[in-house]
Amino acid sequence: MNGLGRPLIILGLILVAAGLIITFSPRLPTWLGRLPGDINIKRANFSFHFPLATCLLLSAILSFIMWLLRK
């Protein structure tokens, strides 16, 4: 059980970040999720939205931040 502390701290930080995102989501920029490359299909009784470009952008930003923190 010696190595259990670090994963619990990381999980706690992830939960805090998710809580902050949910709390402040109305204040997020309106273009987030509507970038060129995001898939949005609307039919009569069906709608599908997959923010592909937004996911790639957030992944690149988070990867850069993690790279900076490891350095």
C-alpha atoms as a PDB file:
ATOM      1  CA  MET A   1       0.000   0.000   0.000  1.00  0.00           C
ATOM      2  CA  ASN A   2       3.037   2.229  -0.067  1.00  0.00           C
ATOM      3  CA  GLY A   3       2.426   3.447  -3.625  1.00  0.00           C
ATOM      4  CA  LEU A   4      -1.276   4.208  -3.185  1.00  0.00           C
ATOM      5  CA  GLY A   5      -0.907   7.834  -2.056  1.00  0.00           C
ATOM      6  CA  ARG A   6       0.273   9.353  -5.331  1.00  0.00           C
ATOM      7  CA  PRO A   7      -2.517   7.870  -7.512  1.00  0.00           C
ATOM      8  CA  LEU A   8      -5.111   9.022  -4.967  1.00  0.00           C
ATOM      9  CA  ILE A   9      -3.732  12.577  -5.057  1.00  0.00           C
ATOM     10  CA  ILE A  10      -3.784  12.568  -8.876  1.00  0.00           C
ATOM     11  CA  LEU A  11      -7.340  11.208  -8.895  1.00  0.00           C
ATOM     12  CA  GLY A  12      -8.365  13.918  -6.431  1.00  0.00           C
ATOM     13  CA  LEU A  13      -6.848  16.630  -8.625  1.00  0.00           C
ATOM     14  CA  ILE A  14      -8.660  15.234 -11.653  1.00  0.00           C
ATOM     15  CA  LEU A  15     -11.958  15.285  -9.745  1.00  0.00           C
ATOM     16  CA  VAL A  16     -11.363  18.872  -8.610  1.00  0.00           C
ATOM     17  CA  ALA A  17     -10.583  19.909 -12.193  1.00  0.00           C
ATOM     18  CA  ALA A  18     -13.745  18.185 -13.455  1.00  0.00           C
ATOM     19  CA  GLY A  19     -15.783  19.948 -10.759  1.00  0.00           C
ATOM     20  CA  LEU A  20     -14.358  23.325 -11.733  1.00  0.00           C
ATOM     21  CA  ILE A  21     -15.085  22.694 -15.403  1.00  0.00           C
ATOM     22  CA  ILE A  22     -18.680  21.725 -14.632  1.00  0.00           C
ATOM     23  CA  THR A  23     -19.115  24.728 -12.334  1.00  0.00           C
ATOM     24  CA  PHE A  24     -17.726  27.276 -14.770  1.00  0.00           C
ATOM     25  CA  SER A  25     -18.944  25.651 -18.024  1.00  0.00           C
ATOM     26  CA  PRO A  26     -21.435  28.457 -18.805  1.00  0.00           C
ATOM     27  CA  ARG A  27     -18.467  30.844 -18.879  1.00  0.00           C
ATOM     28  CA  LEU A  28     -16.446  28.774 -21.364  1.00  0.00           C
ATOM     29  CA  PRO A  29     -15.977  30.348 -24.802  1.00  0.00           C
ATOM     30  CA  THR A  30     -18.878  29.695 -27.157  1.00  0.00           C
ATOM     31  CA  TRP A  31     -16.564  28.599 -29.981  1.00  0.00           C
ATOM     32  CA  LEU A  32     -15.339  25.662 -27.890  1.00  0.00           C
ATOM     33  CA  GLY A  33     -17.111  22.657 -29.365  1.00  0.00           C
ATOM     34  CA  ARG A  34     -17.932  24.454 -32.614  1.00  0.00           C
ATOM     35  CA  LEU A  35     -14.555  24.433 -34.319  1.00  0.00           C
ATOM     36  CA  PRO A  36     -14.120  23.519 -37.974  1.00  0.00           C
ATOM     37  CA  GLY A  37     -13.655  19.768 -37.928  1.00  0.00           C
ATOM     38  CA  ASP A  38     -16.256  19.093 -35.249  1.00  0.00           C
ATOM     39  CA  ILE A  39     -18.847  16.627 -36.513  1.00  0.00           C
ATOM     40  CA  ASN A  40     -22.457  17.735 -36.173  1.00  0.00           C
ATOM     41  CA  ILE A  41     -25.269  15.764 -37.819  1.00  0.00           C
ATOM     42  CA  LYS A  42     -28.922  16.785 -37.458  1.00  0.00           C
ATOM     43  CA  ARG A  43     -31.810  14.782 -38.853  1.00  0.00           C
ATOM     44  CA  ALA A  44     -35.547  14.848 -38.163  1.00  0.00           C
ATOM     45  CA  ASN A  45     -35.525  12.725 -34.982  1.00  0.00           C
ATOM     46  CA  PHE A  46     -31.784  12.414 -34.438  1.00  0.00           C
ATOM     47  CA  SER A  47     -28.840  14.638 -33.691  1.00  0.00           C
ATOM     48  CA  PHE A  48     -25.201  13.639 -33.263  1.00  0.00           C
ATOM     49  CA  HIS A  49     -22.357  15.884 -32.148  1.00  0.00           C
ATOM     50  CA  PHE A  50     -18.733  14.765 -31.869  1.00  0.00           C
ATOM     51  CA  PRO A  51     -16.253  17.580 -31.157  1.00  0.00           C
ATOM     52  CA  LEU A  52     -13.283  16.012 -32.963  1.00  0.00           C
ATOM     53  CA  ALA A  53     -11.279  19.206 -33.533  1.00  0.00           C
ATOM     54  CA  THR A  54     -12.006  20.417 -29.998  1.00  0.00           C
ATOM     55  CA  CYS A  55     -10.777  17.109 -28.550  1.00  0.00           C
ATOM     56  CA  LEU A  56      -7.574  17.330 -30.588  1.00  0.00           C
ATOM     57  CA  LEU A  57      -6.981  20.935 -29.518  1.00  0.00           C
ATOM     58  CA  LEU A  58      -7.558  20.183 -25.824  1.00  0.00           C
ATOM     59  CA  SER A  59      -5.351  17.107 -26.056  1.00  0.00           C
ATOM     60  CA  ALA A  60      -2.511  19.146 -27.555  1.00  0.00           C
ATOM     61  CA  ILE A  61      -2.859  21.851 -24.885  1.00  0.00           C
ATOM     62  CA  LEU A  62      -2.962  19.341 -22.026  1.00  0.00           C
ATOM     63  CA  SER A  63      -0.020  17.403 -23.480  1.00  0.00           C
ATOM     64  CA  PHE A  64       1.996  20.612 -23.646  1.00  0.00           C
ATOM     65  CA  ILE A  65       1.115  21.487 -20.050  1.00  0.00           C
ATOM     66  CA  MET A  66       2.074  17.990 -18.869  1.00  0.00           C
ATOM     67  CA  TRP A  67       5.330  18.240 -20.823  1.00  0.00           C
ATOM     68  CA  LEU A  68       6.111  21.545 -19.093  1.00  0.00           C
ATOM     69  CA  LEU A  69       5.352  20.075 -15.667  1.00  0.00           C
ATOM     70  CA  ARG A  70       7.622  17.067 -16.246  1.00  0.00           C
ATOM     71  CA  LYS A  71      10.525  19.239 -17.338  1.00  0.00           C
END
